[in-house]
Amino acid sequence: MTPPRSDAPSDDDASSSLHRAGDFLSRTDSSDAAVRAARLARRLAPPETPVFPTSERTSDRLARLIGDAKAGRPSATRELGLASVSLWQNLIERRRPSISDTPVPVTILFTDLVSFSSWALRAGDDQVLDLLKQVNDSCASVIRSHGGHVVKTLGDGTMAVFVDATQAVEAAHECGEAVAAITVNGHRPSLRAGMHTGEPRAVGDDFIGVDVNIAARVCDAAGSGEVYVSNATLTDLDTDRFVVKKRRFRAKGVPKDLTVYRVLPRYDSGDA
C-alpha cells in the first residue's frame, strides 16, 4: 500500500484555509471602504416604480430577503445585491408594454391577401416567403409615403394607422395596385383592405380595443381588389375624391348600426 505523500494537504489544513478565506471575506464585506462603494453603486442604480404596487413580485421578495440578511451590521454584499435587484426590475419594466390612458384618434387599416392560404399549400415555403416579403415591403413603402405607420404584419396581412382618413384610403388603393403587379411563379396576388376610424388604446407599439376589431371585420368583408370603410371613416373622408357605394354588412362583435361602404378613386368609373 502506498503511503500518503507528506506534502498532500490534510483535512485540518483545508478547514483552516476555508476559515481564513471566510474571515477575509467577512472583514472585506463589512469594511468601511467596501460598504461605501457598494452604497454608492446602489444609489446610482436606476429607481424602479412597480406597475402593480398592490402585488408583490418575485424580485420584491428577493429584495426583502437580501435586505434582511446581515441586517444588524453594514454589508457590501447586501448593498450590491439590492442594487442588482433594482437594476433588474428597471430593465424588466422598460420592456413591459405601457398602456396609454388616453385614446388615440386614428384610422386603422387592415390589408389581407385573398385566397392566400389555398395558394400557399400548393406553392411551398420558398415561394410563400418570397411573395410575403415582396407584398410586405411594397405595402410598407406605400403606407409610409402616405403618412401612415405600419403597426405589424399579420402573416399575409398588415395593420397600419393613419392620422388622415383620406390618406389611409389612398394608401389602401395604392397598396392594392402595387401587390397586383407582383408575380411569383405565375401567381399574381390580390389584396383587399378595410378600415375604421376610432380611438384605440396604444400598448407599446401596438393598438388594442373595439375599434381595432371593427377595422379587421371590415377588411374581412371586402372582396378581391376592394377597399371598404366604415361610416366613421367615411365621415372623415374628402368624398369629392372618391366614388362611394354602400355595402351590406353583418359581422359578430361589431355595433349593429355600423355601416360599410366600398370606396374607389374618383377617376375609376368601374361598376362596384
Protein backbone atom coordinates (compact mmCIF):
# COMPACT_ATOMS: atom_id res chain seq x y z
CA MET A 1 0.00 0.00 0.00
CA THR A 2 1.41 3.39 -1.00
CA PRO A 3 1.91 5.69 1.99
CA PRO A 4 0.28 9.15 1.72
CA ARG A 5 2.52 11.88 0.38
CA SER A 6 3.84 14.12 3.06
CA ASP A 7 3.14 17.25 1.00
CA ALA A 8 -0.60 16.47 0.47
CA PRO A 9 -2.88 18.88 2.38
CA SER A 10 -4.66 17.37 5.35
CA ASP A 11 -8.31 17.88 6.26
CA ASP A 12 -7.20 20.22 9.02
CA ASP A 13 -5.21 22.30 6.52
CA ALA A 14 -8.23 22.58 4.17
CA SER A 15 -10.52 23.55 7.02
CA SER A 16 -8.05 26.17 8.17
CA SER A 17 -7.77 27.63 4.67
CA LEU A 18 -11.56 27.87 4.34
CA HIS A 19 -11.77 29.50 7.74
CA ARG A 20 -9.15 32.10 6.81
CA ALA A 21 -10.92 32.79 3.50
CA GLY A 22 -14.22 33.23 5.31
CA ASP A 23 -12.65 35.63 7.78
CA PHE A 24 -11.14 37.65 4.93
CA LEU A 25 -14.47 37.90 3.07
CA SER A 26 -16.28 38.82 6.27
CA ARG A 27 -13.80 41.60 7.06
CA THR A 28 -13.91 42.87 3.48
CA ASP A 29 -17.72 42.75 3.34
CA SER A 30 -18.04 44.95 6.42
CA SER A 31 -15.11 47.25 5.76
CA ASP A 32 -15.94 50.95 5.53
CA ALA A 33 -14.46 51.32 2.04
CA ALA A 34 -16.33 48.34 0.60
CA VAL A 35 -19.65 49.37 2.14
CA ARG A 36 -19.28 52.98 0.95
CA ALA A 37 -18.54 51.80 -2.59
CA ALA A 38 -21.48 49.40 -2.57
CA ARG A 39 -23.86 52.05 -1.25
CA LEU A 40 -22.71 54.41 -3.98
CA ALA A 41 -23.43 51.72 -6.59
CA ARG A 42 -26.89 51.22 -5.12
CA ARG A 43 -27.63 54.97 -5.24
CA LEU A 44 -26.53 55.09 -8.87
CA ALA A 45 -28.82 52.20 -9.82
CA PRO A 46 -31.95 53.47 -11.64
CA PRO A 47 -35.05 53.79 -9.46
CA GLU A 48 -37.89 51.38 -10.10
CA THR A 49 -41.63 52.08 -9.80
CA PRO A 50 -43.87 49.00 -9.67
CA VAL A 51 -46.61 48.85 -12.29
CA PHE A 52 -48.89 46.96 -9.90
CA PRO A 53 -47.91 48.19 -6.43
CA THR A 54 -50.57 46.02 -4.75
CA SER A 55 -48.96 42.75 -5.88
CA GLU A 56 -45.54 41.51 -4.78
CA ARG A 57 -43.24 40.21 -7.47
CA THR A 58 -40.58 37.53 -7.12
CA SER A 59 -37.90 40.22 -7.32
CA ASP A 60 -39.60 42.11 -4.47
CA ARG A 61 -39.41 39.02 -2.26
CA LEU A 62 -35.78 38.56 -3.23
CA ALA A 63 -35.00 42.16 -2.32
CA ARG A 64 -36.67 41.67 1.06
CA LEU A 65 -34.60 38.54 1.76
CA ILE A 66 -31.39 40.33 0.78
CA GLY A 67 -32.32 43.29 2.95
CA ASP A 68 -32.96 41.03 5.95
CA ALA A 69 -29.59 39.29 5.55
CA LYS A 70 -26.95 40.68 7.90
CA ALA A 71 -29.38 43.43 8.83
CA GLY A 72 -27.60 44.09 12.11
CA ARG A 73 -24.36 45.33 10.54
CA PRO A 74 -23.06 47.06 7.39
CA SER A 75 -22.61 44.72 4.40
CA ALA A 76 -21.24 45.48 0.96
CA THR A 77 -22.73 42.23 -0.33
CA ARG A 78 -26.21 43.27 0.82
CA GLU A 79 -25.94 46.70 -0.78
CA LEU A 80 -24.72 45.26 -4.09
CA GLY A 81 -27.46 42.64 -4.03
CA LEU A 82 -30.16 45.27 -3.58
CA ALA A 83 -28.62 47.38 -6.35
CA SER A 84 -28.66 44.37 -8.69
CA VAL A 85 -32.34 43.69 -7.97
CA SER A 86 -33.23 47.34 -8.59
CA LEU A 87 -31.36 47.30 -11.89
CA TRP A 88 -33.06 44.05 -12.97
CA GLN A 89 -36.53 45.38 -12.12
CA ASN A 90 -35.85 48.57 -14.06
CA LEU A 91 -34.79 46.62 -17.15
CA ILE A 92 -37.91 44.43 -16.95
CA GLU A 93 -40.27 47.39 -16.58
CA ARG A 94 -38.67 49.17 -19.52
CA ARG A 95 -39.52 46.15 -21.69
CA ARG A 96 -43.09 45.93 -20.38
CA PRO A 97 -45.55 47.48 -22.88
CA SER A 98 -47.11 50.61 -21.41
CA ILE A 99 -50.84 51.16 -21.86
CA SER A 100 -51.82 54.70 -22.72
CA ASP A 101 -54.61 56.21 -20.61
CA THR A 102 -55.51 58.50 -23.50
CA PRO A 103 -57.30 57.06 -26.57
CA VAL A 104 -55.53 57.79 -29.85
CA PRO A 105 -57.77 59.10 -32.69
CA VAL A 106 -56.63 57.27 -35.82
CA THR A 107 -57.89 55.47 -38.89
CA ILE A 108 -56.99 51.79 -38.61
CA LEU A 109 -56.21 49.96 -41.84
CA PHE A 110 -56.07 46.20 -42.31
CA THR A 111 -54.98 44.53 -45.54
CA ASP A 112 -55.22 40.87 -46.44
CA LEU A 113 -54.29 38.65 -49.39
CA VAL A 114 -57.29 36.97 -50.99
CA SER A 115 -57.15 33.15 -51.29
CA PHE A 116 -53.61 33.16 -49.95
CA SER A 117 -53.92 30.00 -47.85
CA SER A 118 -55.04 27.76 -50.70
CA TRP A 119 -52.22 29.02 -52.93
CA ALA A 120 -49.64 28.68 -50.13
CA LEU A 121 -50.47 24.99 -49.68
CA ARG A 122 -49.51 24.32 -53.29
CA ALA A 123 -46.63 26.76 -53.63
CA GLY A 124 -44.18 25.65 -50.93
CA ASP A 125 -42.30 27.62 -48.29
CA ASP A 126 -39.73 29.31 -50.54
CA GLN A 127 -42.32 30.83 -52.84
CA VAL A 128 -44.56 31.79 -49.94
CA LEU A 129 -41.74 33.63 -48.17
CA ASP A 130 -40.74 35.34 -51.42
CA LEU A 131 -44.30 36.53 -52.00
CA LEU A 132 -44.82 37.75 -48.44
CA LYS A 133 -41.57 39.69 -48.46
CA GLN A 134 -42.49 41.46 -51.69
CA VAL A 135 -46.02 42.19 -50.51
CA ASN A 136 -44.96 43.45 -47.07
CA ASP A 137 -42.16 45.60 -48.48
CA SER A 138 -44.45 47.12 -51.12
CA CYS A 139 -47.24 47.88 -48.66
CA ALA A 140 -44.90 49.31 -46.04
CA SER A 141 -43.37 51.68 -48.58
CA VAL A 142 -46.78 52.88 -49.77
CA ILE A 143 -48.13 53.31 -46.24
CA ARG A 144 -45.14 55.38 -45.15
CA SER A 145 -45.39 57.57 -48.27
CA HIS A 146 -48.96 58.47 -47.27
CA GLY A 147 -48.06 59.38 -43.71
CA GLY A 148 -49.12 56.08 -42.17
CA HIS A 149 -47.40 53.85 -39.66
CA VAL A 150 -47.14 50.07 -40.00
CA VAL A 151 -48.12 48.61 -36.65
CA LYS A 152 -47.43 44.97 -37.52
CA THR A 153 -47.61 42.33 -40.23
CA LEU A 154 -50.08 39.50 -39.70
CA GLY A 155 -48.97 36.60 -41.86
CA ASP A 156 -50.42 37.61 -45.21
CA GLY A 157 -51.77 40.95 -43.95
CA THR A 158 -50.75 44.29 -42.50
CA MET A 159 -52.14 46.55 -39.80
CA ALA A 160 -51.41 50.26 -40.08
CA VAL A 161 -52.69 53.52 -38.59
CA PHE A 162 -53.16 56.96 -40.13
CA VAL A 163 -53.99 60.36 -38.74
CA ASP A 164 -55.71 61.31 -42.02
CA ALA A 165 -58.53 59.06 -43.28
CA THR A 166 -58.23 60.24 -46.89
CA GLN A 167 -54.57 59.31 -46.98
CA ALA A 168 -55.45 55.93 -45.49
CA VAL A 169 -57.89 55.19 -48.32
CA GLU A 170 -55.43 56.38 -50.95
CA ALA A 171 -52.74 54.18 -49.42
CA ALA A 172 -55.07 51.18 -49.43
CA HIS A 173 -55.78 51.56 -53.16
CA GLU A 174 -52.11 52.10 -53.96
CA CYS A 175 -51.17 49.02 -51.93
CA GLY A 176 -53.65 47.01 -53.98
CA GLU A 177 -52.12 48.24 -57.23
CA ALA A 178 -48.58 47.52 -56.02
CA VAL A 179 -49.47 43.99 -54.92
CA ALA A 180 -51.29 43.26 -58.19
CA ALA A 181 -48.03 43.96 -60.03
CA ILE A 182 -46.19 41.20 -58.12
CA THR A 183 -45.79 37.79 -59.73
CA VAL A 184 -44.31 34.69 -58.08
CA ASN A 185 -44.01 31.65 -60.34
CA GLY A 186 -47.01 32.71 -62.37
CA HIS A 187 -49.15 33.58 -59.34
CA ARG A 188 -50.42 37.16 -59.13
CA PRO A 189 -51.71 38.01 -55.62
CA SER A 190 -54.76 40.14 -54.92
CA LEU A 191 -55.23 42.41 -51.92
CA ARG A 192 -58.31 43.52 -50.04
CA ALA A 193 -58.44 46.28 -47.44
CA GLY A 194 -60.75 47.60 -44.76
CA MET A 195 -60.60 50.42 -42.26
CA HIS A 196 -62.38 52.05 -39.38
CA THR A 197 -61.77 55.34 -37.61
CA GLY A 198 -61.85 55.38 -33.84
CA GLU A 199 -59.85 55.85 -30.65
CA PRO A 200 -57.95 52.66 -29.76
CA ARG A 201 -55.52 52.42 -26.84
CA ALA A 202 -51.80 52.36 -27.53
CA VAL A 203 -49.97 49.43 -25.92
CA GLY A 204 -46.28 49.87 -26.58
CA ASP A 205 -46.02 49.77 -30.38
CA ASP A 206 -49.41 48.09 -30.77
CA PHE A 207 -53.04 49.19 -30.52
CA ILE A 208 -55.95 47.42 -28.84
CA GLY A 209 -59.67 47.99 -28.44
CA VAL A 210 -63.04 47.53 -30.10
CA ASP A 211 -62.12 49.91 -32.91
CA VAL A 212 -59.25 47.61 -33.95
CA ASN A 213 -61.62 44.64 -34.07
CA ILE A 214 -64.11 46.60 -36.18
CA ALA A 215 -61.42 47.53 -38.71
CA ALA A 216 -60.41 43.88 -39.03
CA ARG A 217 -64.03 42.80 -39.61
CA VAL A 218 -64.49 45.48 -42.27
CA CYS A 219 -61.42 44.14 -44.07
CA ASP A 220 -62.77 40.58 -43.86
CA ALA A 221 -65.93 41.70 -45.66
CA ALA A 222 -64.09 43.15 -48.66
CA GLY A 223 -63.54 41.19 -51.84
CA SER A 224 -60.57 40.89 -54.15
CA GLY A 225 -59.18 44.31 -55.00
CA GLU A 226 -61.79 46.10 -52.89
CA VAL A 227 -61.36 48.79 -50.23
CA TYR A 228 -64.09 49.03 -47.58
CA VAL A 229 -64.55 51.74 -44.95
CA SER A 230 -66.89 52.15 -42.01
CA ASN A 231 -69.29 55.06 -41.67
CA ALA A 232 -66.91 56.53 -39.07
CA THR A 233 -64.14 56.65 -41.65
CA LEU A 234 -66.46 57.96 -44.36
CA THR A 235 -67.30 60.95 -42.16
CA ASP A 236 -63.63 61.99 -42.21
CA LEU A 237 -63.13 61.42 -45.95
CA ASP A 238 -62.86 64.00 -48.68
CA THR A 239 -65.69 62.34 -50.60
CA ASP A 240 -65.16 64.54 -53.66
CA ARG A 241 -62.13 62.37 -54.38
CA PHE A 242 -63.94 59.01 -54.19
CA VAL A 243 -66.89 57.09 -55.53
CA VAL A 244 -68.80 55.65 -52.56
CA LYS A 245 -71.04 52.57 -52.71
CA LYS A 246 -72.94 51.30 -49.69
CA ARG A 247 -72.48 47.58 -48.97
CA ARG A 248 -74.44 45.03 -46.97
CA PHE A 249 -72.51 44.11 -43.87
CA ARG A 250 -73.01 41.72 -40.98
CA ALA A 251 -70.35 40.56 -38.52
CA LYS A 252 -70.14 39.41 -34.94
CA GLY A 253 -68.61 41.65 -32.33
CA VAL A 254 -69.35 44.97 -34.07
CA PRO A 255 -72.06 47.60 -33.42
CA LYS A 256 -75.38 46.78 -35.08
CA ASP A 257 -75.64 50.25 -36.56
CA LEU A 258 -72.24 50.01 -38.28
CA THR A 259 -72.50 50.83 -41.99
CA VAL A 260 -69.86 49.83 -44.52
CA TYR A 261 -69.03 51.36 -47.89
CA ARG A 262 -66.82 50.47 -50.82
CA VAL A 263 -64.70 53.43 -51.92
CA LEU A 264 -62.98 53.87 -55.27
CA PRO A 265 -60.84 56.72 -56.57
CA ARG A 266 -62.95 59.28 -58.45
CA TYR A 267 -61.11 58.52 -61.72
CA ASP A 268 -62.21 54.86 -61.51
CA SER A 269 -65.53 54.59 -63.35
CA GLY A 270 -65.84 50.82 -62.99
CA ASP A 271 -69.01 49.39 -61.51
CA ALA A 272 -68.87 48.28 -57.92
